[in-house]
Amino acid sequence: MEVIICIIIFAANITIKTSMNKQNINEMNDVTLQDYYTNLSKEEKGKLLNYIVYHLGIGYSTLIAKFSGRLHFSKVETIVIHQIINEGTWKK
């Protein structure tokens, strides 16, 4: 599990350095993730949560707290979850 998290952090750092500028990173924040999550159907929310829990190793209850705004996503989590959403991999 630690190896997967290290790979995700490494991939996020490469993404930051190569394909995103600071303005794009600053535009990605918890609020946009929360808004996206809020607008999903119950079934889609379950799919997204299960995908993130399985692939990123974030606890289910922690993830719900982050999407609800009680906790905050780290920058790396924000970037990786935005990529997951933009690529639509969680929908498959």
C-alpha atoms as a PDB file:
ATOM      1  CA  MET A   1       0.000   0.000   0.000  1.00  0.00           C
ATOM      2  CA  GLU A   2       2.864   2.387   0.801  1.00  0.00           C
ATOM      3  CA  VAL A   3       4.379   1.733  -2.623  1.00  0.00           C
ATOM      4  CA  ILE A   4       1.137   2.760  -4.341  1.00  0.00           C
ATOM      5  CA  ILE A   5       0.959   5.984  -2.350  1.00  0.00           C
ATOM      6  CA  CYS A   6       4.600   6.788  -3.177  1.00  0.00           C
ATOM      7  CA  ILE A   7       3.922   6.167  -6.873  1.00  0.00           C
ATOM      8  CA  ILE A   8       0.870   8.438  -6.758  1.00  0.00           C
ATOM      9  CA  ILE A   9       2.860  11.202  -5.059  1.00  0.00           C
ATOM     10  CA  PHE A  10       5.671  10.778  -7.608  1.00  0.00           C
ATOM     11  CA  ALA A  11       3.207  10.926 -10.508  1.00  0.00           C
ATOM     12  CA  ALA A  12       1.517  13.998  -9.055  1.00  0.00           C
ATOM     13  CA  ASN A  13       4.866  15.753  -8.671  1.00  0.00           C
ATOM     14  CA  ILE A  14       5.786  14.991 -12.274  1.00  0.00           C
ATOM     15  CA  THR A  15       2.418  16.328 -13.408  1.00  0.00           C
ATOM     16  CA  ILE A  16       2.932  19.514 -11.425  1.00  0.00           C
ATOM     17  CA  LYS A  17       6.378  20.074 -12.900  1.00  0.00           C
ATOM     18  CA  THR A  18       5.625  19.205 -16.502  1.00  0.00           C
ATOM     19  CA  SER A  19       2.068  19.947 -17.491  1.00  0.00           C
ATOM     20  CA  MET A  20       0.536  22.390 -15.029  1.00  0.00           C
ATOM     21  CA  ASN A  21       1.343  25.912 -14.098  1.00  0.00           C
ATOM     22  CA  LYS A  22       0.742  27.420 -10.665  1.00  0.00           C
ATOM     23  CA  GLN A  23      -2.456  29.115 -11.771  1.00  0.00           C
ATOM     24  CA  ASN A  24      -4.037  25.772 -12.712  1.00  0.00           C
ATOM     25  CA  ILE A  25      -2.968  24.219  -9.419  1.00  0.00           C
ATOM     26  CA  ASN A  26      -4.437  27.096  -7.439  1.00  0.00           C
ATOM     27  CA  GLU A  27      -7.734  26.763  -9.330  1.00  0.00           C
ATOM     28  CA  MET A  28      -8.051  23.153  -8.175  1.00  0.00           C
ATOM     29  CA  ASN A  29      -9.335  23.186  -4.643  1.00  0.00           C
ATOM     30  CA  ASP A  30     -11.542  21.351  -2.187  1.00  0.00           C
ATOM     31  CA  VAL A  31     -14.599  23.400  -3.130  1.00  0.00           C
ATOM     32  CA  THR A  32     -14.588  22.272  -6.754  1.00  0.00           C
ATOM     33  CA  LEU A  33     -14.208  18.636  -5.657  1.00  0.00           C
ATOM     34  CA  GLN A  34     -17.037  19.064  -3.170  1.00  0.00           C
ATOM     35  CA  ASP A  35     -19.264  20.685  -5.806  1.00  0.00           C
ATOM     36  CA  TYR A  36     -18.547  17.901  -8.274  1.00  0.00           C
ATOM     37  CA  TYR A  37     -19.294  15.232  -5.662  1.00  0.00           C
ATOM     38  CA  THR A  38     -22.506  16.946  -4.547  1.00  0.00           C
ATOM     39  CA  ASN A  39     -23.855  16.939  -8.114  1.00  0.00           C
ATOM     40  CA  LEU A  40     -23.346  13.190  -8.591  1.00  0.00           C
ATOM     41  CA  SER A  41     -26.149  10.664  -8.209  1.00  0.00           C
ATOM     42  CA  LYS A  42     -26.059   8.283  -5.253  1.00  0.00           C
ATOM     43  CA  GLU A  43     -24.819   5.460  -7.488  1.00  0.00           C
ATOM     44  CA  GLU A  44     -22.076   7.639  -9.009  1.00  0.00           C
ATOM     45  CA  LYS A  45     -20.963   8.801  -5.561  1.00  0.00           C
ATOM     46  CA  GLY A  46     -20.564   5.188  -4.499  1.00  0.00           C
ATOM     47  CA  LYS A  47     -18.554   4.333  -7.621  1.00  0.00           C
ATOM     48  CA  LEU A  48     -16.268   7.346  -7.183  1.00  0.00           C
ATOM     49  CA  LEU A  49     -15.700   6.694  -3.483  1.00  0.00           C
ATOM     50  CA  ASN A  50     -14.971   3.002  -4.027  1.00  0.00           C
ATOM     51  CA  TYR A  51     -12.558   3.790  -6.864  1.00  0.00           C
ATOM     52  CA  ILE A  52     -10.627   6.320  -4.787  1.00  0.00           C
ATOM     53  CA  VAL A  53     -10.575   4.093  -1.692  1.00  0.00           C
ATOM     54  CA  TYR A  54      -9.287   1.140  -3.717  1.00  0.00           C
ATOM     55  CA  HIS A  55      -6.709   2.982  -5.826  1.00  0.00           C
ATOM     56  CA  LEU A  56      -5.480   5.704  -3.453  1.00  0.00           C
ATOM     57  CA  GLY A  57      -5.852   3.971  -0.115  1.00  0.00           C
ATOM     58  CA  ILE A  58      -7.743   6.817   1.542  1.00  0.00           C
ATOM     59  CA  GLY A  59     -10.154   5.560   4.198  1.00  0.00           C
ATOM     60  CA  TYR A  60     -13.824   5.570   3.232  1.00  0.00           C
ATOM     61  CA  SER A  61     -14.979   7.678   6.197  1.00  0.00           C
ATOM     62  CA  THR A  62     -12.042  10.067   5.769  1.00  0.00           C
ATOM     63  CA  LEU A  63     -12.924  10.497   2.122  1.00  0.00           C
ATOM     64  CA  ILE A  64     -16.561  11.263   2.931  1.00  0.00           C
ATOM     65  CA  ALA A  65     -15.421  13.834   5.514  1.00  0.00           C
ATOM     66  CA  LYS A  66     -13.179  15.469   2.906  1.00  0.00           C
ATOM     67  CA  PHE A  67     -15.929  15.614   0.284  1.00  0.00           C
ATOM     68  CA  SER A  68     -18.328  17.055   2.867  1.00  0.00           C
ATOM     69  CA  GLY A  69     -15.864  19.782   3.872  1.00  0.00           C
ATOM     70  CA  ARG A  70     -15.215  18.608   7.437  1.00  0.00           C
ATOM     71  CA  LEU A  71     -11.638  17.748   6.436  1.00  0.00           C
ATOM     72  CA  HIS A  72      -9.451  19.138   3.650  1.00  0.00           C
ATOM     73  CA  PHE A  73      -7.759  17.355   0.762  1.00  0.00           C
ATOM     74  CA  SER A  74      -3.978  17.627   0.542  1.00  0.00           C
ATOM     75  CA  LYS A  75      -2.574  19.219  -2.627  1.00  0.00           C
ATOM     76  CA  VAL A  76      -1.478  15.808  -3.912  1.00  0.00           C
ATOM     77  CA  GLU A  77      -4.905  14.292  -3.224  1.00  0.00           C
ATOM     78  CA  THR A  78      -6.565  17.232  -4.957  1.00  0.00           C
ATOM     79  CA  ILE A  79      -4.394  16.865  -8.064  1.00  0.00           C
ATOM     80  CA  VAL A  80      -4.764  13.089  -8.298  1.00  0.00           C
ATOM     81  CA  ILE A  81      -8.536  13.143  -7.709  1.00  0.00           C
ATOM     82  CA  HIS A  82      -8.930  15.884 -10.333  1.00  0.00           C
ATOM     83  CA  GLN A  83      -7.033  13.667 -12.778  1.00  0.00           C
ATOM     84  CA  ILE A  84      -9.255  10.712 -11.936  1.00  0.00           C
ATOM     85  CA  ILE A  85     -12.359  12.824 -12.522  1.00  0.00           C
ATOM     86  CA  ASN A  86     -11.094  14.488 -15.715  1.00  0.00           C
ATOM     87  CA  GLU A  87      -9.979  11.204 -17.246  1.00  0.00           C
ATOM     88  CA  GLY A  88     -13.216   9.482 -16.218  1.00  0.00           C
ATOM     89  CA  THR A  89     -11.389   6.319 -15.151  1.00  0.00           C
ATOM     90  CA  TRP A  90     -13.660   5.893 -12.135  1.00  0.00           C
ATOM     91  CA  LYS A  91     -16.730   5.546 -14.381  1.00  0.00           C
ATOM     92  CA  LYS A  92     -15.513   2.396 -16.130  1.00  0.00           C
END
